[in-house]
Amino acid sequence: MEKVTRENCEKLNRFEHIIAKNADGTRLRARRNGKTITSKRELNQFAIPVKYGLYEHSYITERTCLMWEGEE
């Protein structure tokens, strides 16, 4: 598992949250749910759409990427 950054956000597909836990005590897992959204003006901005649980959707952004680890 490696930290999510702007440089490696394109190749990562599965993610684990560092703080949030599931009901059984394991780390919250999420998977990519689309293409990474990048900004043309602000080069350090990105958003990775992810899905976790049965119906929950969210984005991993440059602000929240410190709380996530990813793998290919």
PDB file of N, CA and C in Angstrom:
ATOM      1  N   MET A   1       0.843  -1.179   0.000  1.00  0.00           N
ATOM      2  CA  MET A   1       0.000   0.000   0.000  1.00  0.00           C
ATOM      3  C   MET A   1       0.889   1.242   0.000  1.00  0.00           C
ATOM      4  N   GLU A   2       0.510   2.215  -0.787  1.00  0.00           N
ATOM      5  CA  GLU A   2       1.262   3.459  -0.852  1.00  0.00           C
ATOM      6  C   GLU A   2       0.313   4.643  -0.709  1.00  0.00           C
ATOM      7  N   LYS A   3       0.834   5.754  -0.248  1.00  0.00           N
ATOM      8  CA  LYS A   3       0.038   6.963  -0.076  1.00  0.00           C
ATOM      9  C   LYS A   3      -0.448   7.469  -1.425  1.00  0.00           C
ATOM     10  N   VAL A   4      -1.630   8.055  -1.449  1.00  0.00           N
ATOM     11  CA  VAL A   4      -2.203   8.608  -2.672  1.00  0.00           C
ATOM     12  C   VAL A   4      -1.640  10.012  -2.879  1.00  0.00           C
ATOM     13  N   THR A   5      -1.051  10.246  -4.036  1.00  0.00           N
ATOM     14  CA  THR A   5      -0.511  11.558  -4.396  1.00  0.00           C
ATOM     15  C   THR A   5      -0.948  11.902  -5.808  1.00  0.00           C
ATOM     16  N   ARG A   6      -0.652  13.114  -6.236  1.00  0.00           N
ATOM     17  CA  ARG A   6      -0.995  13.556  -7.593  1.00  0.00           C
ATOM     18  C   ARG A   6      -0.233  12.736  -8.629  1.00  0.00           C
ATOM     19  N   GLU A   7       0.977  12.326  -8.313  1.00  0.00           N
ATOM     20  CA  GLU A   7       1.807  11.593  -9.273  1.00  0.00           C
ATOM     21  C   GLU A   7       1.299  10.169  -9.507  1.00  0.00           C
ATOM     22  N   ASN A   8       0.783   9.502  -8.480  1.00  0.00           N
ATOM     23  CA  ASN A   8       0.376   8.110  -8.647  1.00  0.00           C
ATOM     24  C   ASN A   8      -1.139   7.913  -8.662  1.00  0.00           C
ATOM     25  N   CYS A   9      -1.926   8.979  -8.728  1.00  0.00           N
ATOM     26  CA  CYS A   9      -3.382   8.838  -8.641  1.00  0.00           C
ATOM     27  C   CYS A   9      -3.989   8.162  -9.870  1.00  0.00           C
ATOM     28  N   GLU A  10      -3.318   8.183 -11.005  1.00  0.00           N
ATOM     29  CA  GLU A  10      -3.856   7.573 -12.223  1.00  0.00           C
ATOM     30  C   GLU A  10      -3.791   6.050 -12.196  1.00  0.00           C
ATOM     31  N   LYS A  11      -2.788   5.484 -11.532  1.00  0.00           N
ATOM     32  CA  LYS A  11      -2.586   4.039 -11.608  1.00  0.00           C
ATOM     33  C   LYS A  11      -3.236   3.254 -10.477  1.00  0.00           C
ATOM     34  N   LEU A  12      -3.657   3.926  -9.398  1.00  0.00           N
ATOM     35  CA  LEU A  12      -4.236   3.222  -8.255  1.00  0.00           C
ATOM     36  C   LEU A  12      -5.713   2.920  -8.487  1.00  0.00           C
ATOM     37  N   ASN A  13      -6.154   1.716  -8.069  1.00  0.00           N
ATOM     38  CA  ASN A  13      -7.540   1.309  -8.280  1.00  0.00           C
ATOM     39  C   ASN A  13      -8.272   0.944  -6.992  1.00  0.00           C
ATOM     40  N   ARG A  14      -7.563   0.484  -5.995  1.00  0.00           N
ATOM     41  CA  ARG A  14      -8.177   0.089  -4.721  1.00  0.00           C
ATOM     42  C   ARG A  14      -7.562   0.913  -3.606  1.00  0.00           C
ATOM     43  N   PHE A  15      -8.405   1.298  -2.645  1.00  0.00           N
ATOM     44  CA  PHE A  15      -7.970   2.212  -1.598  1.00  0.00           C
ATOM     45  C   PHE A  15      -8.434   1.717  -0.234  1.00  0.00           C
ATOM     46  N   GLU A  16      -7.679   2.081   0.809  1.00  0.00           N
ATOM     47  CA  GLU A  16      -8.053   1.801   2.196  1.00  0.00           C
ATOM     48  C   GLU A  16      -7.893   3.078   3.000  1.00  0.00           C
ATOM     49  N   HIS A  17      -8.905   3.380   3.816  1.00  0.00           N
ATOM     50  CA  HIS A  17      -8.875   4.578   4.659  1.00  0.00           C
ATOM     51  C   HIS A  17      -8.042   4.289   5.899  1.00  0.00           C
ATOM     52  N   ILE A  18      -7.235   5.228   6.323  1.00  0.00           N
ATOM     53  CA  ILE A  18      -6.350   5.017   7.460  1.00  0.00           C
ATOM     54  C   ILE A  18      -7.118   5.064   8.777  1.00  0.00           C
ATOM     55  N   ILE A  19      -8.111   5.956   8.894  1.00  0.00           N
ATOM     56  CA  ILE A  19      -8.804   6.175  10.159  1.00  0.00           C
ATOM     57  C   ILE A  19     -10.133   5.412  10.246  1.00  0.00           C
ATOM     58  N   ALA A  20     -10.955   5.506   9.210  1.00  0.00           N
ATOM     59  CA  ALA A  20     -12.308   4.925   9.246  1.00  0.00           C
ATOM     60  C   ALA A  20     -12.257   3.399   9.264  1.00  0.00           C
ATOM     61  N   LYS A  21     -13.131   2.805  10.038  1.00  0.00           N
ATOM     62  CA  LYS A  21     -13.194   1.341  10.184  1.00  0.00           C
ATOM     63  C   LYS A  21     -14.571   0.831   9.783  1.00  0.00           C
ATOM     64  N   ASN A  22     -14.625  -0.416   9.360  1.00  0.00           N
ATOM     65  CA  ASN A  22     -15.879  -1.105   9.111  1.00  0.00           C
ATOM     66  C   ASN A  22     -16.440  -1.618  10.434  1.00  0.00           C
ATOM     67  N   ALA A  23     -17.623  -2.196  10.400  1.00  0.00           N
ATOM     68  CA  ALA A  23     -18.256  -2.717  11.619  1.00  0.00           C
ATOM     69  C   ALA A  23     -17.443  -3.848  12.245  1.00  0.00           C
ATOM     70  N   ASP A  24     -16.728  -4.629  11.428  1.00  0.00           N
ATOM     71  CA  ASP A  24     -15.935  -5.735  11.962  1.00  0.00           C
ATOM     72  C   ASP A  24     -14.530  -5.302  12.384  1.00  0.00           C
ATOM     73  N   GLY A  25     -14.211  -4.002  12.305  1.00  0.00           N
ATOM     74  CA  GLY A  25     -12.931  -3.494  12.761  1.00  0.00           C
ATOM     75  C   GLY A  25     -11.867  -3.391  11.692  1.00  0.00           C
ATOM     76  N   THR A  26     -12.140  -3.862  10.489  1.00  0.00           N
ATOM     77  CA  THR A  26     -11.162  -3.740   9.407  1.00  0.00           C
ATOM     78  C   THR A  26     -11.219  -2.326   8.829  1.00  0.00           C
ATOM     79  N   ARG A  27     -10.169  -1.956   8.106  1.00  0.00           N
ATOM     80  CA  ARG A  27     -10.130  -0.627   7.506  1.00  0.00           C
ATOM     81  C   ARG A  27     -11.154  -0.509   6.387  1.00  0.00           C
ATOM     82  N   LEU A  28     -11.729   0.684   6.236  1.00  0.00           N
ATOM     83  CA  LEU A  28     -12.702   0.950   5.184  1.00  0.00           C
ATOM     84  C   LEU A  28     -12.025   0.820   3.827  1.00  0.00           C
ATOM     85  N   ARG A  29     -12.599  -0.004   2.948  1.00  0.00           N
ATOM     86  CA  ARG A  29     -12.050  -0.225   1.622  1.00  0.00           C
ATOM     87  C   ARG A  29     -12.937   0.450   0.581  1.00  0.00           C
ATOM     88  N   ALA A  30     -12.307   0.978  -0.462  1.00  0.00           N
ATOM     89  CA  ALA A  30     -13.039   1.620  -1.557  1.00  0.00           C
ATOM     90  C   ALA A  30     -12.385   1.225  -2.870  1.00  0.00           C
ATOM     91  N   ARG A  31     -13.162   1.332  -3.955  1.00  0.00           N
ATOM     92  CA  ARG A  31     -12.598   1.045  -5.271  1.00  0.00           C
ATOM     93  C   ARG A  31     -12.909   2.199  -6.215  1.00  0.00           C
ATOM     94  N   ARG A  32     -12.064   2.345  -7.208  1.00  0.00           N
ATOM     95  CA  ARG A  32     -12.246   3.415  -8.202  1.00  0.00           C
ATOM     96  C   ARG A  32     -13.574   3.233  -8.913  1.00  0.00           C
ATOM     97  N   ASN A  33     -14.253   4.356  -9.160  1.00  0.00           N
ATOM     98  CA  ASN A  33     -15.564   4.313  -9.790  1.00  0.00           C
ATOM     99  C   ASN A  33     -15.609   5.184 -11.040  1.00  0.00           C
ATOM    100  N   GLY A  34     -14.471   5.485 -11.622  1.00  0.00           N
ATOM    101  CA  GLY A  34     -14.443   6.315 -12.821  1.00  0.00           C
ATOM    102  C   GLY A  34     -13.061   6.875 -13.067  1.00  0.00           C
ATOM    103  N   LYS A  35     -12.996   7.813 -13.997  1.00  0.00           N
ATOM    104  CA  LYS A  35     -11.736   8.418 -14.409  1.00  0.00           C
ATOM    105  C   LYS A  35     -11.338   9.527 -13.433  1.00  0.00           C
ATOM    106  N   THR A  36     -10.043   9.680 -13.201  1.00  0.00           N
ATOM    107  CA  THR A  36      -9.537  10.740 -12.336  1.00  0.00           C
ATOM    108  C   THR A  36      -9.802  12.096 -12.976  1.00  0.00           C
ATOM    109  N   ILE A  37     -10.347  13.019 -12.204  1.00  0.00           N
ATOM    110  CA  ILE A  37     -10.648  14.361 -12.670  1.00  0.00           C
ATOM    111  C   ILE A  37      -9.484  15.264 -12.265  1.00  0.00           C
ATOM    112  N   THR A  38      -8.890  15.941 -13.244  1.00  0.00           N
ATOM    113  CA  THR A  38      -7.776  16.837 -12.964  1.00  0.00           C
ATOM    114  C   THR A  38      -8.124  18.239 -13.433  1.00  0.00           C
ATOM    115  N   SER A  39      -7.470  19.215 -12.839  1.00  0.00           N
ATOM    116  CA  SER A  39      -7.687  20.610 -13.180  1.00  0.00           C
ATOM    117  C   SER A  39      -6.615  21.070 -14.154  1.00  0.00           C
ATOM    118  N   LYS A  40      -6.999  21.853 -15.156  1.00  0.00           N
ATOM    119  CA  LYS A  40      -6.022  22.374 -16.106  1.00  0.00           C
ATOM    120  C   LYS A  40      -5.312  23.609 -15.551  1.00  0.00           C
ATOM    121  N   ARG A  41      -5.994  24.342 -14.688  1.00  0.00           N
ATOM    122  CA  ARG A  41      -5.397  25.564 -14.131  1.00  0.00           C
ATOM    123  C   ARG A  41      -4.544  25.281 -12.901  1.00  0.00           C
ATOM    124  N   GLU A  42      -5.067  24.492 -11.993  1.00  0.00           N
ATOM    125  CA  GLU A  42      -4.339  24.142 -10.778  1.00  0.00           C
ATOM    126  C   GLU A  42      -3.783  22.731 -10.947  1.00  0.00           C
ATOM    127  N   LEU A  43      -2.508  22.603 -11.200  1.00  0.00           N
ATOM    128  CA  LEU A  43      -1.911  21.316 -11.530  1.00  0.00           C
ATOM    129  C   LEU A  43      -1.888  20.334 -10.368  1.00  0.00           C
ATOM    130  N   ASN A  44      -1.989  20.821  -9.131  1.00  0.00           N
ATOM    131  CA  ASN A  44      -1.951  19.909  -7.989  1.00  0.00           C
ATOM    132  C   ASN A  44      -3.338  19.423  -7.581  1.00  0.00           C
ATOM    133  N   GLN A  45      -4.402  19.876  -8.224  1.00  0.00           N
ATOM    134  CA  GLN A  45      -5.754  19.441  -7.876  1.00  0.00           C
ATOM    135  C   GLN A  45      -6.141  18.186  -8.650  1.00  0.00           C
ATOM    136  N   PHE A  46      -6.788  17.250  -7.944  1.00  0.00           N
ATOM    137  CA  PHE A  46      -7.313  16.051  -8.578  1.00  0.00           C
ATOM    138  C   PHE A  46      -8.477  15.524  -7.735  1.00  0.00           C
ATOM    139  N   ALA A  47      -9.296  14.691  -8.338  1.00  0.00           N
ATOM    140  CA  ALA A  47     -10.400  14.048  -7.632  1.00  0.00           C
ATOM    141  C   ALA A  47     -10.579  12.651  -8.219  1.00  0.00           C
ATOM    142  N   ILE A  48     -10.546  11.643  -7.346  1.00  0.00           N
ATOM    143  CA  ILE A  48     -10.733  10.260  -7.771  1.00  0.00           C
ATOM    144  C   ILE A  48     -12.108   9.817  -7.276  1.00  0.00           C
ATOM    145  N   PRO A  49     -13.044   9.499  -8.175  1.00  0.00           N
ATOM    146  CA  PRO A  49     -14.346   9.008  -7.709  1.00  0.00           C
ATOM    147  C   PRO A  49     -14.210   7.575  -7.189  1.00  0.00           C
ATOM    148  N   VAL A  50     -14.760   7.314  -5.994  1.00  0.00           N
ATOM    149  CA  VAL A  50     -14.675   5.988  -5.395  1.00  0.00           C
ATOM    150  C   VAL A  50     -16.044   5.545  -4.902  1.00  0.00           C
ATOM    151  N   LYS A  51     -16.193   4.240  -4.779  1.00  0.00           N
ATOM    152  CA  LYS A  51     -17.406   3.634  -4.249  1.00  0.00           C
ATOM    153  C   LYS A  51     -17.008   2.750  -3.082  1.00  0.00           C
ATOM    154  N   TYR A  52     -17.798   2.806  -2.004  1.00  0.00           N
ATOM    155  CA  TYR A  52     -17.570   1.924  -0.864  1.00  0.00           C
ATOM    156  C   TYR A  52     -18.917   1.547  -0.275  1.00  0.00           C
ATOM    157  N   GLY A  53     -18.968   0.387   0.353  1.00  0.00           N
ATOM    158  CA  GLY A  53     -20.245  -0.107   0.861  1.00  0.00           C
ATOM    159  C   GLY A  53     -21.158  -0.503  -0.285  1.00  0.00           C
ATOM    160  N   LEU A  54     -22.464  -0.539  -0.018  1.00  0.00           N
ATOM    161  CA  LEU A  54     -23.404  -0.903  -1.069  1.00  0.00           C
ATOM    162  C   LEU A  54     -23.800   0.275  -1.951  1.00  0.00           C
ATOM    163  N   TYR A  55     -24.010   1.442  -1.349  1.00  0.00           N
ATOM    164  CA  TYR A  55     -24.538   2.575  -2.098  1.00  0.00           C
ATOM    165  C   TYR A  55     -23.753   3.868  -1.911  1.00  0.00           C
ATOM    166  N   GLU A  56     -22.663   3.854  -1.180  1.00  0.00           N
ATOM    167  CA  GLU A  56     -21.936   5.079  -0.853  1.00  0.00           C
ATOM    168  C   GLU A  56     -20.924   5.434  -1.947  1.00  0.00           C
ATOM    169  N   HIS A  57     -20.896   6.721  -2.298  1.00  0.00           N
ATOM    170  CA  HIS A  57     -19.947   7.247  -3.278  1.00  0.00           C
ATOM    171  C   HIS A  57     -19.270   8.468  -2.694  1.00  0.00           C
ATOM    172  N   SER A  58     -18.028   8.718  -3.118  1.00  0.00           N
ATOM    173  CA  SER A  58     -17.293   9.874  -2.627  1.00  0.00           C
ATOM    174  C   SER A  58     -16.149  10.163  -3.586  1.00  0.00           C
ATOM    175  N   TYR A  59     -15.342  11.164  -3.235  1.00  0.00           N
ATOM    176  CA  TYR A  59     -14.161  11.523  -4.003  1.00  0.00           C
ATOM    177  C   TYR A  59     -12.957  11.575  -3.079  1.00  0.00           C
ATOM    178  N   ILE A  60     -11.826  11.107  -3.576  1.00  0.00           N
ATOM    179  CA  ILE A  60     -10.555  11.316  -2.899  1.00  0.00           C
ATOM    180  C   ILE A  60      -9.922  12.517  -3.594  1.00  0.00           C
ATOM    181  N   THR A  61      -9.699  13.599  -2.849  1.00  0.00           N
ATOM    182  CA  THR A  61      -9.158  14.824  -3.425  1.00  0.00           C
ATOM    183  C   THR A  61      -7.772  15.095  -2.852  1.00  0.00           C
ATOM    184  N   GLU A  62      -7.177  16.188  -3.305  1.00  0.00           N
ATOM    185  CA  GLU A  62      -5.858  16.559  -2.786  1.00  0.00           C
ATOM    186  C   GLU A  62      -5.919  16.905  -1.301  1.00  0.00           C
ATOM    187  N   ARG A  63      -7.096  17.263  -0.788  1.00  0.00           N
ATOM    188  CA  ARG A  63      -7.245  17.573   0.638  1.00  0.00           C
ATOM    189  C   ARG A  63      -7.387  16.313   1.482  1.00  0.00           C
ATOM    190  N   THR A  64      -8.031  15.281   0.953  1.00  0.00           N
ATOM    191  CA  THR A  64      -8.291  14.065   1.726  1.00  0.00           C
ATOM    192  C   THR A  64      -7.340  12.923   1.405  1.00  0.00           C
ATOM    193  N   CYS A  65      -6.408  13.117   0.490  1.00  0.00           N
ATOM    194  CA  CYS A  65      -5.545  12.012   0.063  1.00  0.00           C
ATOM    195  C   CYS A  65      -4.599  11.544   1.163  1.00  0.00           C
ATOM    196  N   LEU A  66      -4.333  12.369   2.164  1.00  0.00           N
ATOM    197  CA  LEU A  66      -3.453  11.947   3.249  1.00  0.00           C
ATOM    198  C   LEU A  66      -4.079  10.864   4.119  1.00  0.00           C
ATOM    199  N   MET A  67      -5.408  10.730   4.061  1.00  0.00           N
ATOM    200  CA  MET A  67      -6.102   9.734   4.861  1.00  0.00           C
ATOM    201  C   MET A  67      -6.316   8.421   4.131  1.00  0.00           C
ATOM    202  N   TRP A  68      -5.832   8.299   2.896  1.00  0.00           N
ATOM    203  CA  TRP A  68      -6.033   7.109   2.080  1.00  0.00           C
ATOM    204  C   TRP A  68      -4.712   6.503   1.648  1.00  0.00           C
ATOM    205  N   GLU A  69      -4.710   5.176   1.541  1.00  0.00           N
ATOM    206  CA  GLU A  69      -3.609   4.435   0.931  1.00  0.00           C
ATOM    207  C   GLU A  69      -4.178   3.654  -0.242  1.00  0.00           C
ATOM    208  N   GLY A  70      -3.375   3.444  -1.284  1.00  0.00           N
ATOM    209  CA  GLY A  70      -3.886   2.781  -2.468  1.00  0.00           C
ATOM    210  C   GLY A  70      -2.974   1.680  -2.974  1.00  0.00           C
ATOM    211  N   GLU A  71      -3.543   0.820  -3.829  1.00  0.00           N
ATOM    212  CA  GLU A  71      -2.778  -0.215  -4.517  1.00  0.00           C
ATOM    213  C   GLU A  71      -3.356  -0.401  -5.896  1.00  0.00           C
ATOM    214  N   GLU A  72      -2.570  -0.989  -6.785  1.00  0.00           N
ATOM    215  CA  GLU A  72      -2.993  -1.164  -8.178  1.00  0.00           C
ATOM    216  C   GLU A  72      -3.998  -2.266  -8.339  1.00  0.00           C
TER     217      GLU A  72
END
